[in-house]
């Protein structure tokens, strides 16, 4: 697998990375996995705000979980307000 370093992707593109990034990729790579496969597995495409909202609408959240979230957010707001004074 060491021979894959610096090799061209099937599209003909090359990617230059520093030593630390290379070592992290190498560590994350499975036995028969290419660097492209590691990147695709580890780096997810960004979601649009619309996609995130659609996912959130489908999520089933219990009333007690919603109360806990609101209580936590209220505490954070109070704490943030107190530190500014």
N, C-alpha and C. Protein backbone atom coordinates (compact mmCIF):
# COMPACT_ATOMS: atom_id res chain seq x y z
N UNK A 1 0.81 -1.19 0.00
CA UNK A 1 0.00 0.00 0.00
C UNK A 1 0.85 1.26 0.00
N UNK A 2 2.09 1.17 0.37
CA UNK A 2 2.94 2.37 0.43
C UNK A 2 3.09 2.99 -0.95
N UNK A 3 2.96 2.21 -2.00
CA UNK A 3 3.12 2.72 -3.34
C UNK A 3 2.01 3.68 -3.78
N UNK A 4 0.92 3.75 -3.02
CA UNK A 4 -0.18 4.63 -3.40
C UNK A 4 0.10 6.09 -3.09
N UNK A 5 1.07 6.39 -2.26
CA UNK A 5 1.38 7.78 -1.91
C UNK A 5 1.75 8.54 -3.18
N UNK A 6 1.05 9.67 -3.36
CA UNK A 6 1.37 10.51 -4.50
C UNK A 6 0.83 9.99 -5.82
N UNK A 7 0.10 8.87 -5.79
CA UNK A 7 -0.44 8.35 -7.04
C UNK A 7 -1.62 9.18 -7.48
N UNK A 8 -1.92 9.13 -8.78
CA UNK A 8 -3.01 9.91 -9.32
C UNK A 8 -4.32 9.18 -9.12
N UNK A 9 -5.39 9.95 -8.87
CA UNK A 9 -6.72 9.39 -8.77
C UNK A 9 -7.19 9.01 -10.16
N UNK A 10 -8.27 8.24 -10.22
CA UNK A 10 -8.74 7.77 -11.52
C UNK A 10 -9.13 8.93 -12.44
N UNK A 11 -9.48 10.09 -11.89
CA UNK A 11 -9.84 11.24 -12.72
C UNK A 11 -8.61 12.00 -13.18
N UNK A 12 -7.43 11.61 -12.73
CA UNK A 12 -6.22 12.30 -13.12
C UNK A 12 -5.84 13.43 -12.20
N UNK A 13 -6.57 13.63 -11.11
CA UNK A 13 -6.28 14.70 -10.17
C UNK A 13 -5.25 14.24 -9.15
N UNK A 14 -4.43 15.17 -8.70
CA UNK A 14 -3.49 14.87 -7.62
C UNK A 14 -3.82 15.76 -6.44
N UNK A 15 -3.39 15.34 -5.27
CA UNK A 15 -3.67 16.08 -4.05
C UNK A 15 -2.37 16.17 -3.27
N UNK A 16 -1.98 17.38 -2.93
CA UNK A 16 -0.76 17.56 -2.14
C UNK A 16 -1.16 17.82 -0.69
N UNK A 17 -0.63 17.01 0.21
CA UNK A 17 -0.92 17.15 1.64
C UNK A 17 0.38 17.12 2.42
N UNK A 18 0.35 17.68 3.63
CA UNK A 18 1.55 17.67 4.44
C UNK A 18 1.74 16.30 5.10
N UNK A 19 2.86 16.11 5.74
CA UNK A 19 3.23 14.83 6.33
C UNK A 19 2.23 14.37 7.38
N UNK A 20 1.79 15.30 8.25
CA UNK A 20 0.85 14.92 9.30
C UNK A 20 -0.47 14.43 8.71
N UNK A 21 -0.98 15.12 7.69
CA UNK A 21 -2.22 14.71 7.04
C UNK A 21 -2.05 13.34 6.40
N UNK A 22 -0.92 13.11 5.76
CA UNK A 22 -0.65 11.81 5.14
C UNK A 22 -0.65 10.71 6.21
N UNK A 23 0.01 10.96 7.33
CA UNK A 23 0.09 9.95 8.38
C UNK A 23 -1.29 9.65 8.97
N UNK A 24 -2.12 10.69 9.09
CA UNK A 24 -3.48 10.46 9.59
C UNK A 24 -4.29 9.61 8.61
N UNK A 25 -4.17 9.92 7.33
CA UNK A 25 -4.87 9.12 6.32
C UNK A 25 -4.37 7.68 6.34
N UNK A 26 -3.08 7.53 6.43
CA UNK A 26 -2.48 6.19 6.46
C UNK A 26 -3.00 5.40 7.66
N UNK A 27 -3.09 6.07 8.80
CA UNK A 27 -3.57 5.42 10.03
C UNK A 27 -5.04 5.03 9.92
N UNK A 28 -5.83 5.88 9.25
CA UNK A 28 -7.27 5.64 9.12
C UNK A 28 -7.60 4.60 8.05
N UNK A 29 -6.66 4.35 7.16
CA UNK A 29 -6.91 3.48 6.01
C UNK A 29 -6.98 2.02 6.41
N UNK A 30 -7.98 1.35 5.90
CA UNK A 30 -8.11 -0.09 6.09
C UNK A 30 -7.11 -0.83 5.23
N UNK A 31 -7.01 -2.12 5.44
CA UNK A 31 -5.98 -2.92 4.77
C UNK A 31 -6.01 -2.81 3.24
N UNK A 32 -7.19 -2.90 2.65
CA UNK A 32 -7.30 -2.84 1.19
C UNK A 32 -8.02 -1.58 0.72
N UNK A 33 -7.91 -0.50 1.49
CA UNK A 33 -8.65 0.72 1.20
C UNK A 33 -7.74 1.77 0.56
N UNK A 34 -8.24 2.44 -0.45
CA UNK A 34 -7.47 3.51 -1.08
C UNK A 34 -7.63 4.80 -0.28
N UNK A 35 -6.76 5.76 -0.53
CA UNK A 35 -6.90 7.05 0.14
C UNK A 35 -8.22 7.71 -0.25
N UNK A 36 -8.65 7.58 -1.49
CA UNK A 36 -9.93 8.14 -1.92
C UNK A 36 -11.07 7.54 -1.10
N UNK A 37 -11.02 6.25 -0.85
CA UNK A 37 -12.06 5.60 -0.06
C UNK A 37 -12.05 6.10 1.40
N UNK A 38 -10.86 6.32 1.94
CA UNK A 38 -10.75 6.84 3.32
C UNK A 38 -11.38 8.23 3.39
N UNK A 39 -11.04 9.08 2.44
CA UNK A 39 -11.57 10.45 2.44
C UNK A 39 -13.09 10.43 2.31
N UNK A 40 -13.61 9.61 1.39
CA UNK A 40 -15.07 9.54 1.21
C UNK A 40 -15.76 9.00 2.46
N UNK A 41 -15.11 8.10 3.17
CA UNK A 41 -15.68 7.54 4.38
C UNK A 41 -15.65 8.56 5.52
N UNK A 42 -14.59 9.33 5.61
CA UNK A 42 -14.39 10.23 6.75
C UNK A 42 -14.92 11.64 6.55
N UNK A 43 -15.02 12.09 5.32
CA UNK A 43 -15.44 13.46 5.04
C UNK A 43 -16.80 13.42 4.35
N UNK A 44 -17.81 13.83 5.08
CA UNK A 44 -19.15 13.82 4.53
C UNK A 44 -19.41 15.10 3.75
N UNK A 45 -20.23 15.02 2.71
CA UNK A 45 -20.60 16.23 1.98
C UNK A 45 -21.39 17.16 2.91
N UNK A 46 -21.23 18.46 2.72
CA UNK A 46 -21.98 19.42 3.52
C UNK A 46 -23.45 19.36 3.15
N UNK A 47 -24.28 19.49 4.16
CA UNK A 47 -25.71 19.54 3.92
C UNK A 47 -26.16 20.99 3.82
N UNK A 48 -27.15 21.22 2.99
CA UNK A 48 -27.74 22.55 2.92
C UNK A 48 -28.64 22.75 4.14
N UNK A 49 -28.98 23.98 4.42
CA UNK A 49 -29.89 24.27 5.53
C UNK A 49 -31.23 23.57 5.30
N UNK A 50 -31.67 23.53 4.07
CA UNK A 50 -32.93 22.86 3.74
C UNK A 50 -32.85 21.36 4.07
N UNK A 51 -31.74 20.72 3.75
CA UNK A 51 -31.58 19.30 4.05
C UNK A 51 -31.55 19.04 5.56
N UNK A 52 -30.89 19.92 6.29
CA UNK A 52 -30.83 19.78 7.75
C UNK A 52 -32.23 19.93 8.34
N UNK A 53 -32.98 20.94 7.90
CA UNK A 53 -34.33 21.15 8.40
C UNK A 53 -35.24 19.96 8.06
N UNK A 54 -35.09 19.42 6.87
CA UNK A 54 -35.89 18.26 6.47
C UNK A 54 -35.60 17.07 7.40
N UNK A 55 -34.34 16.86 7.72
CA UNK A 55 -33.96 15.78 8.62
C UNK A 55 -34.53 16.02 10.01
N UNK A 56 -34.44 17.26 10.48
CA UNK A 56 -34.95 17.59 11.81
C UNK A 56 -36.46 17.40 11.89
N UNK A 57 -37.17 17.73 10.83
CA UNK A 57 -38.63 17.56 10.83
C UNK A 57 -39.02 16.09 10.94
N UNK A 58 -38.20 15.21 10.37
CA UNK A 58 -38.49 13.78 10.42
C UNK A 58 -38.10 13.14 11.75
N UNK A 59 -37.27 13.82 12.52
CA UNK A 59 -36.78 13.25 13.78
C UNK A 59 -37.88 13.28 14.83
N UNK A 60 -38.04 12.17 15.51
CA UNK A 60 -39.02 12.09 16.59
C UNK A 60 -38.32 12.45 17.90
N UNK A 61 -38.73 13.57 18.48
CA UNK A 61 -38.13 14.03 19.73
C UNK A 61 -39.23 14.09 20.78
N UNK A 62 -38.99 13.45 21.90
CA UNK A 62 -40.00 13.40 22.96
C UNK A 62 -40.15 14.77 23.62
N UNK A 63 -41.32 15.02 24.20
CA UNK A 63 -41.53 16.28 24.92
C UNK A 63 -40.52 16.49 26.05
N UNK A 64 -40.14 15.42 26.74
CA UNK A 64 -39.17 15.57 27.84
C UNK A 64 -37.79 15.97 27.30
N UNK A 65 -37.42 15.47 26.13
CA UNK A 65 -36.15 15.86 25.52
C UNK A 65 -36.19 17.32 25.11
N UNK A 66 -37.32 17.75 24.54
CA UNK A 66 -37.47 19.16 24.17
C UNK A 66 -37.38 20.06 25.39
N UNK A 67 -38.01 19.66 26.50
CA UNK A 67 -37.92 20.45 27.73
C UNK A 67 -36.49 20.54 28.22
N UNK A 68 -35.76 19.42 28.16
CA UNK A 68 -34.36 19.42 28.61
C UNK A 68 -33.51 20.34 27.75
N UNK A 69 -33.75 20.33 26.45
CA UNK A 69 -33.00 21.21 25.54
C UNK A 69 -33.30 22.67 25.87
N UNK A 70 -34.58 22.99 26.08
CA UNK A 70 -34.95 24.38 26.39
C UNK A 70 -34.36 24.81 27.73
N UNK A 71 -34.38 23.93 28.73
CA UNK A 71 -33.79 24.26 30.03
C UNK A 71 -32.29 24.52 29.91
N UNK A 72 -31.62 23.69 29.14
CA UNK A 72 -30.19 23.86 28.94
C UNK A 72 -29.88 25.17 28.21
N UNK A 73 -30.67 25.46 27.18
CA UNK A 73 -30.46 26.71 26.42
C UNK A 73 -30.72 27.92 27.33
N UNK A 74 -31.76 27.84 28.17
CA UNK A 74 -32.05 28.94 29.09
C UNK A 74 -30.91 29.17 30.07
N UNK A 75 -30.36 28.08 30.61
CA UNK A 75 -29.22 28.20 31.53
C UNK A 75 -28.03 28.85 30.83
N UNK A 76 -27.77 28.43 29.61
CA UNK A 76 -26.65 28.99 28.86
C UNK A 76 -26.85 30.48 28.61
N UNK A 77 -28.08 30.86 28.26
CA UNK A 77 -28.36 32.28 28.03
C UNK A 77 -28.16 33.08 29.32
N UNK A 78 -28.66 32.55 30.45
CA UNK A 78 -28.51 33.25 31.73
C UNK A 78 -27.02 33.37 32.08
N UNK A 79 -26.26 32.29 31.93
CA UNK A 79 -24.84 32.31 32.24
C UNK A 79 -24.09 33.29 31.34
N UNK A 80 -24.44 33.33 30.07
CA UNK A 80 -23.77 34.24 29.13
C UNK A 80 -24.09 35.68 29.50
N UNK A 81 -25.33 35.92 29.91
CA UNK A 81 -25.75 37.26 30.29
C UNK A 81 -25.04 37.70 31.57
N UNK A 82 -24.88 36.80 32.52
CA UNK A 82 -24.23 37.12 33.80
C UNK A 82 -22.74 37.44 33.61
N UNK A 83 -22.07 36.76 32.71
CA UNK A 83 -20.64 37.00 32.52
C UNK A 83 -20.38 38.34 31.84
N UNK A 84 -21.36 38.87 31.11
CA UNK A 84 -21.19 40.16 30.44
C UNK A 84 -21.33 41.34 31.39
N UNK A 85 -21.99 41.11 32.52
CA UNK A 85 -22.24 42.22 33.47
C UNK A 85 -21.05 42.50 34.32
